[in-house]
Amino acid sequence: MTLSFKILLKYNILVLLGLVHPSLVAQEKDDYVWLFINGTSPGYATTIDFGYDDLKISLDTVKYQNSDVNASVSDINGKLLFYTNGCQVIQSDHQLMENGDSLNYGKFYVEWWENCTYGYNGFQDILILKDEMNEDIYYIIHKFINYETTPTLRFWMQDLRYTIVDMSYNGGRGKVIKKNQVFHEQHSLVFSYLTAIKHSDNRYWWMIQMNKTNNTYYKYLLKEDGPMLQDSQQIGPPATRNTSASGQAKFSPDGKMWAWYTKENGLNLFNFDRTSGLLSNQRILPIQHRRSFSGIEFSPNSRFVYITMYDSLMQVDLWKEDLAQGVELIDTFKYQQDPFANFHLMTLAPDCKIYMGSTNGTRTLHRINKPNKKGKECDFVQYDIDLLYYKGIGMANYPRLRVDYEDVCDSLEDYSGLDIDVSAPLSRIKVWPNPITDISIIDCSYSGHLKVYNNNGIEVISKYIDHTLPNYLVLEGYPSGMFIVRLIDAKGHSSTIKVMKT
C-alpha cells in the first residue's frame, strides 16, 4: 500500500468519525447504577452498580419510597447522578433535589395515591433522557394519571409531561428548573410501554406510545427545545381492551426494530427507521398465556426476543421467516426461597445480561446470563441475584443505549438452529487491495455482521457494517498470514472470502 493511499484511507476514517456526535466518544454509562426500593417505611434501597468487574450490590437507607415507577441516570463515569420515583427527583445522596417535589401532582397523586407516599403508579411510565446538546441538562419524561369515581371508577393517562434537571446547580447536585410541562394531551394513551432510542444523528431521542383504543402509534422527538409530537401512524390491528399496562415495549440493540407484547395481542414486531421514525413490516406472533402481566426484552445481538408470562419464559428467534417456528420454552417458574417471586419485567444490563423482576415485592432477581445463545444455552437462572432487601414491583426503565457502538457485548454470535444454509453466498464481498498491508476497503452489496478469523479459526474481528457507508478492514498490528472474512446478513446468509495479510 502506498503512503498516499494509506493516508487517504485514514483521513476518510477520521472524517467519518467527525460526523459522529461527541457523546459517542465515551461509552454511554447512563444505566450503570440501578436502585430497587422496597416501598415501605423505613425505606431501604438495594443498589446494583455495573461499573465493576463483578456486580457491586449495596444497601442504603432512603427517605423516599419507590414501589412501581423506577428511573435513574449516571454520569459519563458511571456514577449515580439522580433518580426519581415519579413524585420526587432525588439526588445521589438520597436527599430531595432543589425544586424536586410534586412531579405529577394532581387529583390522583393526592386523593387516590395517598400523596404519593410510596412513589407514583405504573411500570414502564417514566424515563430520564440526557440532552445530547447540553451535558448538564436531563429530561424526565413522565405520564400523568387522572381518575373519576362517577358514574363508575375509571383511570386514564391524561397526558405526557416533561421535567428538566440542570446538574450545573448546587455543586453538581442539580436542580429542577422546569416541572410538569405537558407536551401531548391524549386521554387514550396506554399505561406502560414508554421507552426511547436515539435518532440516527445521535443528538435527539425517539419515543413511541400507543393508543389503547385503536391502531394509532404516536411518535415523539426530544430535541434541544424539548419533546414534541412528531407524527402519528396507523398500522396493523387495533390494541385490545386489556392492552394498557399489560406488557413492555423495547427497541432492539441494533436500533432497527421496536416490539411490544401482551397476552391478548401477542408479539408485535416492527422494523423501525431511526431517521424518519417510520414503523413498517409488522409481524404478529400470537403466544397465549393465562396471566395478564408480561415482559419483553431483546438479546444484545438483536436475534432473539425473550417474553415473560408470569410462570414461563419464552425465546423467539427473529431470524426465522416464520416466527412461530422460532418459539422455544426456556423455563417455567419454580417456587423456591421466595414464594412471592415470578416472571415479569426485564431489562438488558450493561454487562450484556438480562435481569428480570416479579409482579410482587421480592428480594431477588432472575437473570439470563448468555442471552445471545439459542434455547436453553442462554443460561437462564432463577433467583440468581440477592437484592439484600425487598424491592417494589417496578423494574429499572432505561432508553436503549449504546446502539451505535460496535461489539459492545463482545460475545460470540450464535448461528445455530437456522433452517437455511449460512454458507450460501448472496453476492460477492470484495476487499481491496488484497493482499492487505494494514487497511483495505470493504465493498459489499448488503449490510450485516462482519466476522474475521485468523488461520487458526479464531475470531479476531466482529462488527456490524452498513453497506450504504464506507467500510474498512483494519488488520494493522495483526501478524502476516491468511484471514477468512465473512459477512452474514440478518437472515443468516453469508459471503466468505480469503484475505492475505502481508
Protein backbone atom coordinates (compact mmCIF):
# COMPACT_ATOMS: atom_id res chain seq x y z
CA MET A 1 0.00 0.00 0.00
CA THR A 2 1.39 3.40 -0.95
CA LEU A 3 1.84 6.02 1.73
CA SER A 4 -0.58 8.39 -0.02
CA PHE A 5 -3.30 5.71 -0.22
CA LYS A 6 -2.81 4.83 3.45
CA ILE A 7 -3.05 8.49 4.48
CA LEU A 8 -6.19 8.95 2.37
CA LEU A 9 -7.90 5.97 3.99
CA LYS A 10 -7.04 7.13 7.49
CA TYR A 11 -8.20 10.64 6.65
CA ASN A 12 -11.55 9.29 5.44
CA ILE A 13 -11.92 7.31 8.64
CA LEU A 14 -11.33 10.46 10.70
CA VAL A 15 -13.87 12.35 8.62
CA LEU A 16 -16.44 9.67 9.28
CA LEU A 17 -15.69 9.79 12.97
CA GLY A 18 -16.15 13.54 12.83
CA LEU A 19 -19.71 13.00 11.72
CA VAL A 20 -20.47 11.17 14.94
CA HIS A 21 -21.68 13.30 17.82
CA PRO A 22 -19.08 13.82 20.61
CA SER A 23 -21.25 11.89 23.07
CA LEU A 24 -20.16 8.72 21.28
CA VAL A 25 -16.50 9.25 22.14
CA ALA A 26 -17.03 7.85 25.63
CA GLN A 27 -19.25 4.84 26.11
CA GLU A 28 -22.73 5.66 27.39
CA LYS A 29 -22.98 4.71 31.06
CA ASP A 30 -26.37 6.24 31.89
CA ASP A 31 -27.68 2.87 33.14
CA TYR A 32 -24.69 1.76 35.24
CA VAL A 33 -26.45 2.18 38.62
CA TRP A 34 -29.84 0.59 39.36
CA LEU A 35 -31.86 1.21 42.52
CA PHE A 36 -34.55 -1.02 43.98
CA ILE A 37 -36.55 0.41 46.89
CA ASN A 38 -38.94 -1.63 48.99
CA GLY A 39 -41.85 0.83 49.20
CA THR A 40 -42.26 0.63 52.97
CA SER A 41 -41.18 2.82 55.87
CA PRO A 42 -38.37 2.96 56.82
CA GLY A 43 -37.09 2.55 53.29
CA TYR A 44 -34.10 0.59 52.08
CA ALA A 45 -32.57 0.80 48.63
CA THR A 46 -30.59 -2.02 47.08
CA THR A 47 -28.12 -0.52 44.63
CA ILE A 48 -26.61 -2.54 41.78
CA ASP A 49 -23.50 -0.94 40.30
CA PHE A 50 -22.31 -2.29 36.93
CA GLY A 51 -19.11 -0.23 36.96
CA TYR A 52 -17.04 -3.09 38.41
CA ASP A 53 -15.76 -6.41 37.08
CA ASP A 54 -18.24 -8.13 39.39
CA LEU A 55 -21.59 -6.70 40.39
CA LYS A 56 -21.35 -4.40 43.38
CA ILE A 57 -24.55 -4.71 45.43
CA SER A 58 -25.08 -2.45 48.45
CA LEU A 59 -27.88 -1.45 50.81
CA ASP A 60 -28.73 2.13 51.84
CA THR A 61 -31.40 3.81 53.94
CA VAL A 62 -33.61 6.16 51.92
CA LYS A 63 -36.30 8.70 52.69
CA TYR A 64 -38.41 8.48 49.53
CA GLN A 65 -40.16 5.26 48.57
CA ASN A 66 -40.42 3.67 45.16
CA SER A 67 -42.66 0.67 44.68
CA ASP A 68 -43.57 1.00 40.99
CA VAL A 69 -42.01 3.51 38.55
CA ASN A 70 -38.24 3.44 38.58
CA ALA A 71 -35.75 5.63 36.68
CA SER A 72 -32.19 6.68 37.43
CA VAL A 73 -29.26 8.10 35.49
CA SER A 74 -25.48 8.00 35.89
CA ASP A 75 -22.76 10.32 34.59
CA ILE A 76 -20.14 9.60 31.92
CA ASN A 77 -18.08 7.74 34.51
CA GLY A 78 -20.98 5.53 35.57
CA LYS A 79 -21.57 7.29 38.90
CA LEU A 80 -25.16 7.89 40.03
CA LEU A 81 -26.43 11.43 39.36
CA PHE A 82 -30.07 11.26 40.47
CA TYR A 83 -33.18 9.11 40.39
CA THR A 84 -36.95 9.56 40.55
CA ASN A 85 -39.97 7.66 41.82
CA GLY A 86 -42.37 9.70 39.66
CA CYS A 87 -43.18 12.06 42.53
CA GLN A 88 -39.79 13.37 43.65
CA VAL A 89 -36.42 13.92 42.00
CA ILE A 90 -33.78 12.61 44.37
CA GLN A 91 -30.03 13.28 44.49
CA SER A 92 -27.39 10.55 44.60
CA ASP A 93 -27.13 11.11 48.38
CA HIS A 94 -30.85 10.23 48.63
CA GLN A 95 -31.85 13.80 49.52
CA LEU A 96 -34.56 15.74 47.68
CA MET A 97 -33.15 17.77 44.81
CA GLU A 98 -33.89 21.51 44.88
CA ASN A 99 -37.42 22.03 43.47
CA GLY A 100 -37.64 18.27 43.02
CA ASP A 101 -41.00 17.76 44.70
CA SER A 102 -44.51 17.25 43.28
CA LEU A 103 -43.91 15.60 39.93
CA ASN A 104 -47.29 14.51 38.53
CA TYR A 105 -49.07 16.50 41.24
CA GLY A 106 -52.85 16.36 40.91
CA LYS A 107 -56.05 14.65 42.00
CA PHE A 108 -54.74 11.11 41.58
CA TYR A 109 -51.48 11.99 43.37
CA VAL A 110 -53.28 13.50 46.40
CA GLU A 111 -56.56 11.63 46.78
CA TRP A 112 -56.14 8.15 45.35
CA TRP A 113 -52.39 7.62 45.73
CA GLU A 114 -52.15 8.97 49.30
CA ASN A 115 -49.96 11.98 48.47
CA CYS A 116 -47.63 9.67 46.58
CA THR A 117 -46.31 8.15 49.78
CA TYR A 118 -44.75 5.17 48.01
CA GLY A 119 -43.90 6.70 44.65
CA TYR A 120 -46.08 7.05 41.54
CA ASN A 121 -48.10 4.28 39.96
CA GLY A 122 -47.01 2.47 36.79
CA PHE A 123 -44.45 0.08 35.31
CA GLN A 124 -42.83 1.44 32.16
CA ASP A 125 -44.14 5.01 32.53
CA ILE A 126 -41.07 7.18 33.18
CA LEU A 127 -37.69 7.81 31.54
CA ILE A 128 -34.65 10.01 32.07
CA LEU A 129 -33.06 11.23 28.82
CA LYS A 130 -29.85 13.20 28.53
CA ASP A 131 -29.87 16.35 26.39
CA GLU A 132 -27.10 15.46 23.96
CA MET A 133 -26.58 19.15 23.15
CA ASN A 134 -26.03 20.19 26.79
CA GLU A 135 -24.15 17.90 29.16
CA ASP A 136 -25.82 19.37 32.26
CA ILE A 137 -29.44 19.03 31.12
CA TYR A 138 -31.62 15.95 31.64
CA TYR A 139 -35.27 15.46 30.70
CA ILE A 140 -37.58 13.35 32.84
CA ILE A 141 -40.40 12.09 30.63
CA HIS A 142 -43.41 11.07 32.70
CA LYS A 143 -47.07 10.17 32.26
CA PHE A 144 -49.85 11.84 34.25
CA ILE A 145 -52.77 9.80 35.63
CA ASN A 146 -56.28 11.06 36.30
CA TYR A 147 -59.41 9.33 37.54
CA GLU A 148 -63.10 9.69 38.35
CA THR A 149 -65.48 7.77 40.60
CA THR A 150 -68.80 8.62 38.94
CA PRO A 151 -70.66 7.16 37.21
CA THR A 152 -68.08 4.38 37.65
CA LEU A 153 -64.49 4.20 38.83
CA ARG A 154 -62.22 4.92 35.85
CA PHE A 155 -58.50 5.71 35.45
CA TRP A 156 -56.77 7.10 32.39
CA MET A 157 -53.45 8.52 31.22
CA GLN A 158 -54.26 12.17 30.71
CA ASP A 159 -51.06 13.41 29.08
CA LEU A 160 -47.31 13.14 28.61
CA ARG A 161 -45.12 15.61 30.51
CA TYR A 162 -41.51 16.56 30.93
CA THR A 163 -39.43 17.90 33.80
CA ILE A 164 -35.95 19.37 33.31
CA VAL A 165 -32.98 18.84 35.65
CA ASP A 166 -29.89 21.05 35.39
CA MET A 167 -26.90 19.38 37.05
CA SER A 168 -24.77 22.55 36.99
CA TYR A 169 -26.57 23.83 40.11
CA ASN A 170 -25.68 23.20 43.74
CA GLY A 171 -22.15 21.99 43.19
CA GLY A 172 -23.21 19.30 40.76
CA ARG A 173 -26.09 18.01 42.88
CA GLY A 174 -28.59 19.52 40.45
CA LYS A 175 -31.82 21.49 40.46
CA VAL A 176 -35.20 21.04 38.79
CA ILE A 177 -35.56 24.13 36.59
CA LYS A 178 -38.84 23.26 34.86
CA LYS A 179 -41.55 20.87 36.02
CA ASN A 180 -44.74 19.11 34.85
CA GLN A 181 -44.73 20.58 31.34
CA VAL A 182 -47.41 18.97 29.13
CA PHE A 183 -46.25 18.15 25.60
CA HIS A 184 -49.04 15.81 24.45
CA GLU A 185 -52.54 15.73 25.92
CA GLN A 186 -54.15 12.49 24.78
CA HIS A 187 -56.54 10.66 27.11
CA SER A 188 -56.32 7.37 25.18
CA LEU A 189 -52.64 6.69 25.78
CA VAL A 190 -51.77 3.29 27.16
CA PHE A 191 -50.27 2.77 30.57
CA SER A 192 -46.65 1.48 30.30
CA TYR A 193 -44.66 0.86 27.03
CA LEU A 194 -42.55 4.04 27.40
CA THR A 195 -39.03 3.67 26.06
CA ALA A 196 -36.66 5.64 23.83
CA ILE A 197 -33.82 5.38 21.35
CA LYS A 198 -31.56 7.97 19.76
CA HIS A 199 -32.28 9.42 16.35
CA SER A 200 -29.77 8.34 13.69
CA ASP A 201 -27.99 11.68 14.17
CA ASN A 202 -27.31 10.74 17.82
CA ARG A 203 -28.49 14.16 19.02
CA TYR A 204 -32.22 13.59 19.51
CA TRP A 205 -34.40 10.88 21.08
CA TRP A 206 -37.34 8.97 19.61
CA MET A 207 -40.23 7.73 21.78
CA ILE A 208 -43.36 5.78 20.78
CA GLN A 209 -46.70 5.45 22.54
CA MET A 210 -49.79 3.50 21.54
CA ASN A 211 -53.44 4.48 21.56
CA LYS A 212 -55.28 2.00 23.78
CA THR A 213 -58.46 2.00 21.64
CA ASN A 214 -57.20 1.74 18.05
CA ASN A 215 -54.09 1.11 15.92
CA THR A 216 -52.54 4.58 16.23
CA TYR A 217 -48.89 4.91 17.23
CA TYR A 218 -47.65 8.34 18.35
CA LYS A 219 -44.02 9.22 17.61
CA TYR A 220 -42.26 11.88 19.72
CA LEU A 221 -38.90 13.51 19.20
CA LEU A 222 -36.91 15.08 22.02
CA LYS A 223 -34.81 17.91 20.57
CA GLU A 224 -32.95 20.88 22.04
CA ASP A 225 -36.21 22.77 22.62
CA GLY A 226 -37.91 19.86 24.40
CA PRO A 227 -40.06 16.86 23.45
CA MET A 228 -42.93 17.18 21.00
CA LEU A 229 -45.29 15.01 18.99
CA GLN A 230 -43.61 14.44 15.63
CA ASP A 231 -46.36 12.47 13.90
CA SER A 232 -48.69 9.51 14.30
CA GLN A 233 -49.07 6.36 12.28
CA GLN A 234 -51.87 3.84 11.91
CA ILE A 235 -50.62 0.35 11.26
CA GLY A 236 -51.89 -3.17 11.91
CA PRO A 237 -54.80 -4.29 14.08
CA PRO A 238 -56.09 -2.17 16.98
CA ALA A 239 -54.97 -2.76 20.55
CA THR A 240 -57.33 -4.84 22.64
CA ARG A 241 -59.24 -3.70 25.71
CA ASN A 242 -56.64 -5.08 28.15
CA THR A 243 -53.51 -3.81 26.38
CA SER A 244 -52.93 -0.90 28.74
CA ALA A 245 -50.39 -1.72 31.50
CA SER A 246 -50.19 -5.39 30.49
CA GLY A 247 -46.76 -5.51 28.90
CA GLN A 248 -43.50 -3.85 27.89
CA ALA A 249 -42.10 -2.28 24.72
CA LYS A 250 -38.43 -2.28 23.67
CA PHE A 251 -36.21 -1.10 20.84
CA SER A 252 -33.68 -3.64 19.61
CA PRO A 253 -29.99 -3.09 20.48
CA ASP A 254 -29.13 -2.64 16.79
CA GLY A 255 -31.75 0.14 16.57
CA LYS A 256 -33.65 -1.48 13.71
CA MET A 257 -36.72 -2.91 15.47
CA TRP A 258 -39.37 -1.99 18.01
CA ALA A 259 -41.54 -4.60 19.71
CA TRP A 260 -44.23 -4.97 22.33
CA TYR A 261 -46.11 -7.92 23.77
CA THR A 262 -49.30 -8.71 25.69
CA LYS A 263 -51.33 -11.86 26.25
CA GLU A 264 -54.18 -10.74 24.00
CA ASN A 265 -52.18 -9.01 21.25
CA GLY A 266 -49.23 -11.38 21.08
CA LEU A 267 -45.77 -10.28 19.96
CA ASN A 268 -45.93 -7.19 17.73
CA LEU A 269 -42.61 -6.72 15.95
CA PHE A 270 -41.89 -3.74 13.66
CA ASN A 271 -38.99 -2.51 11.60
CA PHE A 272 -38.03 0.97 12.81
CA ASP A 273 -36.33 3.76 10.89
CA ARG A 274 -34.24 5.88 13.28
CA THR A 275 -34.14 8.75 10.79
CA SER A 276 -37.83 9.10 9.91
CA GLY A 277 -39.40 7.29 12.87
CA LEU A 278 -41.39 5.10 10.45
CA LEU A 279 -42.75 1.77 11.65
CA SER A 280 -43.04 -0.91 8.96
CA ASN A 281 -43.16 -4.66 8.22
CA GLN A 282 -45.29 -5.50 11.26
CA ARG A 283 -45.11 -9.16 12.21
CA ILE A 284 -47.53 -10.56 14.79
CA LEU A 285 -46.99 -13.78 16.69
CA PRO A 286 -49.79 -14.97 18.99
CA ILE A 287 -48.45 -16.53 22.18
CA GLN A 288 -51.25 -17.14 24.64
CA HIS A 289 -50.90 -17.49 28.38
CA ARG A 290 -53.23 -17.30 31.34
CA ARG A 291 -51.88 -14.22 33.15
CA SER A 292 -52.19 -10.57 32.15
CA PHE A 293 -48.82 -9.08 33.08
CA SER A 294 -45.81 -9.80 30.89
CA GLY A 295 -42.38 -8.51 29.91
CA ILE A 296 -40.19 -8.37 26.82
CA GLU A 297 -36.51 -7.82 26.02
CA PHE A 298 -34.12 -8.29 23.09
CA SER A 299 -30.86 -10.21 23.16
CA PRO A 300 -27.77 -7.99 22.71
CA ASN A 301 -27.28 -9.25 19.14
CA SER A 302 -30.96 -8.45 18.32
CA ARG A 303 -31.56 -12.01 17.10
CA PHE A 304 -33.81 -13.15 19.96
CA VAL A 305 -36.76 -11.71 21.82
CA TYR A 306 -37.47 -13.00 25.32
CA ILE A 307 -41.04 -12.91 26.64
CA THR A 308 -42.18 -13.50 30.22
CA MET A 309 -45.62 -14.90 31.04
CA TYR A 310 -45.76 -14.88 34.84
CA ASP A 311 -44.68 -18.52 35.14
CA SER A 312 -43.00 -19.10 31.76
CA LEU A 313 -40.04 -17.65 29.85
CA MET A 314 -40.10 -17.92 26.05
CA GLN A 315 -37.43 -17.21 23.45
CA VAL A 316 -38.37 -16.18 19.90
CA ASP A 317 -35.79 -16.47 17.11
CA LEU A 318 -36.37 -13.41 14.92
CA TRP A 319 -34.18 -14.82 12.14
CA LYS A 320 -36.88 -17.38 11.39
CA GLU A 321 -39.01 -16.30 8.45
CA ASP A 322 -41.94 -17.92 10.23
CA LEU A 323 -41.70 -16.61 13.80
CA ALA A 324 -43.86 -19.46 15.06
CA GLN A 325 -41.04 -21.85 14.13
CA GLY A 326 -38.66 -19.88 16.34
CA VAL A 327 -40.55 -20.10 19.66
CA GLU A 328 -38.92 -22.10 22.43
CA LEU A 329 -39.85 -22.51 26.08
CA ILE A 330 -36.77 -21.67 28.13
CA ASP A 331 -38.05 -22.37 31.63
CA THR A 332 -41.08 -22.48 33.90
CA PHE A 333 -41.20 -20.85 37.30
CA LYS A 334 -40.13 -22.91 40.30
CA TYR A 335 -41.12 -21.88 43.81
CA GLN A 336 -38.04 -21.87 45.97
CA GLN A 337 -36.81 -19.47 48.64
CA ASP A 338 -39.13 -16.59 47.70
CA PRO A 339 -42.79 -17.66 47.43
CA PHE A 340 -43.83 -14.28 46.01
CA ALA A 341 -41.45 -14.32 43.05
CA ASN A 342 -42.47 -14.96 39.44
CA PHE A 343 -41.51 -13.75 35.93
CA HIS A 344 -42.29 -10.15 34.93
CA LEU A 345 -40.40 -7.08 33.61
CA MET A 346 -36.96 -7.45 32.01
CA THR A 347 -34.04 -5.10 31.34
CA LEU A 348 -30.86 -5.68 29.33
CA ALA A 349 -27.97 -4.50 31.52
CA PRO A 350 -24.56 -3.01 30.65
CA ASP A 351 -22.98 -6.41 31.39
CA CYS A 352 -24.96 -7.85 28.43
CA LYS A 353 -27.15 -9.98 30.68
CA ILE A 354 -30.92 -9.67 31.05
CA TYR A 355 -32.32 -9.12 34.55
CA MET A 356 -35.91 -9.97 35.44
CA GLY A 357 -38.18 -8.88 38.29
CA SER A 358 -41.52 -10.12 39.62
CA THR A 359 -45.07 -8.81 39.93
CA ASN A 360 -44.70 -8.84 43.72
CA GLY A 361 -42.28 -7.26 46.15
CA THR A 362 -39.34 -9.67 46.43
CA ARG A 363 -35.66 -9.58 47.33
CA THR A 364 -34.46 -11.45 44.26
CA LEU A 365 -33.88 -11.04 40.52
CA HIS A 366 -33.74 -13.73 37.87
CA ARG A 367 -31.10 -13.47 35.15
CA ILE A 368 -30.40 -14.63 31.57
CA ASN A 369 -26.62 -14.91 31.57
CA LYS A 370 -25.98 -15.65 27.87
CA PRO A 371 -28.94 -14.11 26.03
CA ASN A 372 -27.20 -14.31 22.61
CA LYS A 373 -27.34 -18.11 22.78
CA LYS A 374 -30.16 -20.17 21.34
CA GLY A 375 -32.55 -22.13 23.51
CA LYS A 376 -31.54 -23.32 26.95
CA GLU A 377 -27.92 -22.43 26.22
CA CYS A 378 -28.94 -18.86 27.11
CA ASP A 379 -28.31 -19.94 30.72
CA PHE A 380 -31.37 -18.63 32.50
CA VAL A 381 -31.05 -18.85 36.30
CA GLN A 382 -33.97 -18.25 38.62
CA TYR A 383 -33.27 -16.41 41.91
CA ASP A 384 -29.82 -15.52 40.58
CA ILE A 385 -29.36 -12.15 42.35
CA ASP A 386 -29.96 -11.47 46.04
CA LEU A 387 -31.02 -7.82 46.49
CA LEU A 388 -30.23 -7.77 50.25
CA TYR A 389 -33.71 -6.40 50.95
CA TYR A 390 -37.18 -6.42 49.40
CA LYS A 391 -37.85 -4.31 46.30
CA GLY A 392 -41.08 -2.93 44.91
CA ILE A 393 -42.68 -4.40 41.79
CA GLY A 394 -41.09 -1.86 39.43
CA MET A 395 -38.05 -2.59 37.26
CA ALA A 396 -35.34 -0.19 36.13
CA ASN A 397 -36.50 1.51 32.90
CA TYR A 398 -33.87 2.94 30.56
CA PRO A 399 -33.75 4.06 26.94
CA ARG A 400 -31.91 1.81 24.51
CA LEU A 401 -28.27 2.81 24.90
CA ARG A 402 -25.00 2.06 23.05
CA VAL A 403 -26.80 1.41 19.77
CA ASP A 404 -24.01 2.67 17.53
CA TYR A 405 -21.14 1.08 19.40
CA GLU A 406 -19.51 -1.90 17.75
CA ASP A 407 -19.26 -5.17 19.66
CA VAL A 408 -20.45 -3.70 22.94
CA CYS A 409 -21.15 -7.14 24.35
CA ASP A 410 -18.11 -8.77 22.74
CA SER A 411 -19.76 -12.20 22.71
CA LEU A 412 -19.77 -14.92 20.10
CA GLU A 413 -22.75 -14.81 17.77
CA ASP A 414 -24.92 -17.91 17.64
CA TYR A 415 -25.90 -19.13 14.17
CA SER A 416 -27.26 -22.47 15.36
CA GLY A 417 -30.74 -23.71 14.68
CA LEU A 418 -31.20 -21.96 11.32
CA ASP A 419 -33.23 -23.66 8.61
CA ILE A 420 -31.08 -22.07 5.90
CA ASP A 421 -27.57 -22.67 4.62
CA VAL A 422 -25.44 -19.95 6.19
CA SER A 423 -22.62 -20.70 3.77
CA ALA A 424 -24.71 -19.98 0.67
CA PRO A 425 -23.46 -16.70 -0.83
CA LEU A 426 -25.92 -13.92 -1.66
CA SER A 427 -23.42 -11.83 -3.57
CA ARG A 428 -19.70 -11.25 -3.58
CA ILE A 429 -17.94 -9.30 -0.88
CA LYS A 430 -14.74 -7.63 -2.06
CA VAL A 431 -11.74 -6.40 -0.12
CA TRP A 432 -9.14 -4.30 -1.90
CA PRO A 433 -6.27 -4.08 -2.02
CA ASN A 434 -5.77 -7.80 -1.39
CA PRO A 435 -3.13 -8.74 -0.21
CA ILE A 436 -3.52 -6.18 2.58
CA THR A 437 -0.74 -4.37 4.42
CA ASP A 438 -2.85 -2.88 7.21
CA ILE A 439 -6.04 -1.19 5.88
CA SER A 440 -8.28 -2.12 2.94
CA ILE A 441 -11.68 -1.08 1.65
CA ILE A 442 -14.67 -3.44 2.04
CA ASP A 443 -17.04 -3.43 -0.93
CA CYS A 444 -20.35 -5.23 -0.31
CA SER A 445 -23.91 -5.07 -1.59
CA TYR A 446 -25.71 -5.79 1.70
CA SER A 447 -25.36 -4.98 5.40
CA GLY A 448 -24.60 -7.47 8.11
CA HIS A 449 -22.21 -8.75 10.75
CA LEU A 450 -18.60 -8.95 9.58
CA LYS A 451 -16.57 -11.78 11.09
CA VAL A 452 -12.83 -12.12 10.55
CA TYR A 453 -10.97 -15.31 11.54
CA ASN A 454 -7.23 -15.96 11.55
CA ASN A 455 -5.61 -19.05 10.02
CA ASN A 456 -6.29 -20.99 13.25
CA GLY A 457 -10.02 -20.34 13.03
CA ILE A 458 -10.00 -17.87 15.93
CA GLU A 459 -12.34 -14.90 15.56
CA VAL A 460 -10.31 -11.68 15.69
CA ILE A 461 -12.85 -9.08 14.47
CA SER A 462 -16.62 -8.88 14.84
CA LYS A 463 -18.60 -5.81 13.89
CA TYR A 464 -21.73 -4.67 12.09
CA ILE A 465 -21.27 -2.89 8.76
CA ASP A 466 -23.77 -0.83 6.79
CA HIS A 467 -23.30 -1.32 3.06
CA THR A 468 -24.52 2.24 2.38
CA LEU A 469 -21.49 3.66 4.24
CA PRO A 470 -17.74 3.39 3.59
CA ASN A 471 -16.33 0.35 5.40
CA TYR A 472 -12.74 -0.64 6.12
CA LEU A 473 -10.92 -3.79 7.14
CA VAL A 474 -8.15 -2.84 9.56
CA LEU A 475 -5.55 -5.56 10.17
CA GLU A 476 -2.84 -3.20 11.37
CA GLY A 477 -0.93 -4.90 14.17
CA TYR A 478 -2.03 -8.43 13.22
CA PRO A 479 0.64 -10.95 12.13
CA SER A 480 1.07 -11.85 8.46
CA GLY A 481 -0.92 -14.76 7.10
CA MET A 482 -4.29 -15.86 5.78
CA PHE A 483 -7.55 -14.44 7.18
CA ILE A 484 -11.14 -15.53 6.48
CA VAL A 485 -13.63 -12.65 6.04
CA ARG A 486 -17.33 -13.47 6.34
CA LEU A 487 -20.33 -11.14 6.01
CA ILE A 488 -23.59 -12.51 7.45
CA ASP A 489 -26.92 -10.82 6.77
CA ALA A 490 -29.94 -10.60 9.09
CA LYS A 491 -31.30 -13.99 7.96
CA GLY A 492 -28.03 -15.83 8.39
CA HIS A 493 -26.94 -15.91 4.74
CA SER A 494 -23.27 -15.20 4.24
CA SER A 495 -20.50 -14.48 1.76
CA THR A 496 -16.94 -15.57 2.56
CA ILE A 497 -13.56 -14.65 1.05
CA LYS A 498 -9.89 -15.16 1.91
CA VAL A 499 -7.57 -12.21 2.53
CA MET A 500 -3.78 -12.34 2.70
CA LYS A 501 -2.09 -10.05 5.24
CA THR A 502 1.49 -9.15 4.28
